Amino acid sequence: MSDLETRISQWFDSISEMTPENVEARRDVELVITKLDDGQVRVADVGPTGAVVVHEWVRKAILLLFRLRGLEKSEVGPSNTWTDWS
C-alpha cells in the first residue's frame, strides 16, 4: 500500500470529523481526484477472472471529497433547488 493509500484510509477513518478546513486531507483527496482525471488510477478494474475489483482507497477518497469541498445550494428555476460542491 502506498503512502497516499494509507493516508486516505486514515482520513476516511475520521470522516465524521472532516471539514473543508482540513487542508492536509483535502490536499491528499484532491491528488487522488487529479490522478483519476489523468487516468493514472481507477475506482475499479476488471480482474483476470472477469470479476470487477474495486480499489477501496480511491472510493474512500471520492466519498471524502464531499466532506472536504463543502456543499452550497443553488436556485434553478422557481421550484428547483440543487446542491453542488463549491
C-alpha atoms as a PDB file:
ATOM      1  CA  MET A   1       0.000   0.000   0.000  1.00  0.00           C
ATOM      2  CA  SER A   2       1.420   3.399  -0.977  1.00  0.00           C
ATOM      3  CA  ASP A   3       1.711   6.323   1.422  1.00  0.00           C
ATOM      4  CA  LEU A   4      -1.186   8.055  -0.326  1.00  0.00           C
ATOM      5  CA  GLU A   5      -3.404   4.978   0.037  1.00  0.00           C
ATOM      6  CA  THR A   6      -2.525   4.752   3.727  1.00  0.00           C
ATOM      7  CA  ARG A   7      -3.266   8.449   4.332  1.00  0.00           C
ATOM      8  CA  ILE A   8      -6.616   8.236   2.513  1.00  0.00           C
ATOM      9  CA  SER A   9      -7.615   5.242   4.655  1.00  0.00           C
ATOM     10  CA  GLN A  10      -6.608   7.120   7.803  1.00  0.00           C
ATOM     11  CA  TRP A  11      -8.569  10.227   6.752  1.00  0.00           C
ATOM     12  CA  PHE A  12     -11.574   8.046   5.970  1.00  0.00           C
ATOM     13  CA  ASP A  13     -11.475   6.548   9.466  1.00  0.00           C
ATOM     14  CA  SER A  14     -12.247  10.063  10.761  1.00  0.00           C
ATOM     15  CA  ILE A  15     -14.691  11.064   8.010  1.00  0.00           C
ATOM     16  CA  SER A  16     -17.248  12.313  10.542  1.00  0.00           C
ATOM     17  CA  GLU A  17     -14.719  14.945  11.702  1.00  0.00           C
ATOM     18  CA  MET A  18     -13.753  16.132   8.195  1.00  0.00           C
ATOM     19  CA  THR A  19     -14.478  19.717   7.181  1.00  0.00           C
ATOM     20  CA  PRO A  20     -13.310  21.876   4.260  1.00  0.00           C
ATOM     21  CA  GLU A  21     -10.797  23.453   6.670  1.00  0.00           C
ATOM     22  CA  ASN A  22      -8.773  20.216   6.888  1.00  0.00           C
ATOM     23  CA  VAL A  23      -6.077  21.267   4.422  1.00  0.00           C
ATOM     24  CA  GLU A  24      -3.921  18.137   4.630  1.00  0.00           C
ATOM     25  CA  ALA A  25      -6.800  15.753   3.971  1.00  0.00           C
ATOM     26  CA  ARG A  26      -8.102  17.965   1.187  1.00  0.00           C
ATOM     27  CA  ARG A  27      -4.646  18.021  -0.459  1.00  0.00           C
ATOM     28  CA  ASP A  28      -4.487  14.201  -0.456  1.00  0.00           C
ATOM     29  CA  VAL A  29      -8.039  13.800  -1.750  1.00  0.00           C
ATOM     30  CA  GLU A  30      -7.510  16.389  -4.493  1.00  0.00           C
ATOM     31  CA  LEU A  31      -4.373  14.481  -5.540  1.00  0.00           C
ATOM     32  CA  VAL A  32      -6.411  11.281  -5.936  1.00  0.00           C
ATOM     33  CA  ILE A  33      -9.046  13.174  -7.944  1.00  0.00           C
ATOM     34  CA  THR A  34      -6.313  14.577 -10.203  1.00  0.00           C
ATOM     35  CA  LYS A  35      -4.946  11.062 -10.695  1.00  0.00           C
ATOM     36  CA  LEU A  36      -8.467   9.889 -11.595  1.00  0.00           C
ATOM     37  CA  ASP A  37      -8.870  12.723 -14.085  1.00  0.00           C
ATOM     38  CA  ASP A  38      -5.478  11.940 -15.642  1.00  0.00           C
ATOM     39  CA  GLY A  39      -6.231   8.214 -15.883  1.00  0.00           C
ATOM     40  CA  GLN A  40      -3.418   7.250 -13.503  1.00  0.00           C
ATOM     41  CA  VAL A  41      -5.811   5.423 -11.136  1.00  0.00           C
ATOM     42  CA  ARG A  42      -9.248   3.892 -11.486  1.00  0.00           C
ATOM     43  CA  VAL A  43     -12.017   3.275  -8.995  1.00  0.00           C
ATOM     44  CA  ALA A  44     -12.416  -0.257 -10.318  1.00  0.00           C
ATOM     45  CA  ASP A  45     -10.842  -2.621 -12.825  1.00  0.00           C
ATOM     46  CA  VAL A  46     -11.847  -5.906 -14.368  1.00  0.00           C
ATOM     47  CA  GLY A  47      -9.613  -8.579 -12.873  1.00  0.00           C
ATOM     48  CA  PRO A  48      -8.096 -11.565 -14.681  1.00  0.00           C
ATOM     49  CA  THR A  49     -11.133 -13.727 -13.906  1.00  0.00           C
ATOM     50  CA  GLY A  50     -13.554 -11.126 -15.274  1.00  0.00           C
ATOM     51  CA  ALA A  51     -14.690 -10.025 -11.805  1.00  0.00           C
ATOM     52  CA  VAL A  52     -14.755  -6.314 -11.010  1.00  0.00           C
ATOM     53  CA  VAL A  53     -12.134  -5.296  -8.446  1.00  0.00           C
ATOM     54  CA  VAL A  54     -12.919  -2.073  -6.555  1.00  0.00           C
ATOM     55  CA  HIS A  55      -9.972  -0.028  -5.302  1.00  0.00           C
ATOM     56  CA  GLU A  56     -11.372   0.868  -1.897  1.00  0.00           C
ATOM     57  CA  TRP A  57      -8.897   3.653  -1.169  1.00  0.00           C
ATOM     58  CA  VAL A  58      -9.981   5.506  -4.340  1.00  0.00           C
ATOM     59  CA  ARG A  59     -13.658   5.017  -3.461  1.00  0.00           C
ATOM     60  CA  LYS A  60     -12.933   6.396   0.015  1.00  0.00           C
ATOM     61  CA  ALA A  61     -11.193   9.443  -1.465  1.00  0.00           C
ATOM     62  CA  ILE A  62     -14.277  10.193  -3.573  1.00  0.00           C
ATOM     63  CA  LEU A  63     -16.525   9.960  -0.515  1.00  0.00           C
ATOM     64  CA  LEU A  64     -14.163  12.218   1.432  1.00  0.00           C
ATOM     65  CA  LEU A  65     -14.353  14.749  -1.376  1.00  0.00           C
ATOM     66  CA  PHE A  66     -17.984  15.510  -0.493  1.00  0.00           C
ATOM     67  CA  ARG A  67     -16.996  16.340   3.088  1.00  0.00           C
ATOM     68  CA  LEU A  68     -13.913  18.342   2.189  1.00  0.00           C
ATOM     69  CA  ARG A  69     -15.263  20.534  -0.593  1.00  0.00           C
ATOM     70  CA  GLY A  70     -18.409  21.561   1.200  1.00  0.00           C
ATOM     71  CA  LEU A  71     -21.839  21.984  -0.353  1.00  0.00           C
ATOM     72  CA  GLU A  72     -23.694  25.049  -1.468  1.00  0.00           C
ATOM     73  CA  LYS A  73     -27.323  25.459  -2.534  1.00  0.00           C
ATOM     74  CA  SER A  74     -28.159  26.922  -5.934  1.00  0.00           C
ATOM     75  CA  GLU A  75     -31.597  28.051  -7.090  1.00  0.00           C
ATOM     76  CA  VAL A  76     -32.592  26.753 -10.513  1.00  0.00           C
ATOM     77  CA  GLY A  77     -35.968  27.975 -11.670  1.00  0.00           C
ATOM     78  CA  PRO A  78     -38.988  28.686  -9.494  1.00  0.00           C
ATOM     79  CA  SER A  79     -39.295  25.304  -7.737  1.00  0.00           C
ATOM     80  CA  ASN A  80     -35.939  23.546  -8.115  1.00  0.00           C
ATOM     81  CA  THR A  81     -33.058  23.739  -5.655  1.00  0.00           C
ATOM     82  CA  TRP A  82     -29.769  21.972  -6.380  1.00  0.00           C
ATOM     83  CA  THR A  83     -26.912  21.326  -4.022  1.00  0.00           C
ATOM     84  CA  ASP A  84     -23.446  21.352  -5.517  1.00  0.00           C
ATOM     85  CA  TRP A  85     -19.922  21.478  -4.136  1.00  0.00           C
ATOM     86  CA  SER A  86     -18.069  24.736  -4.240  1.00  0.00           C
END
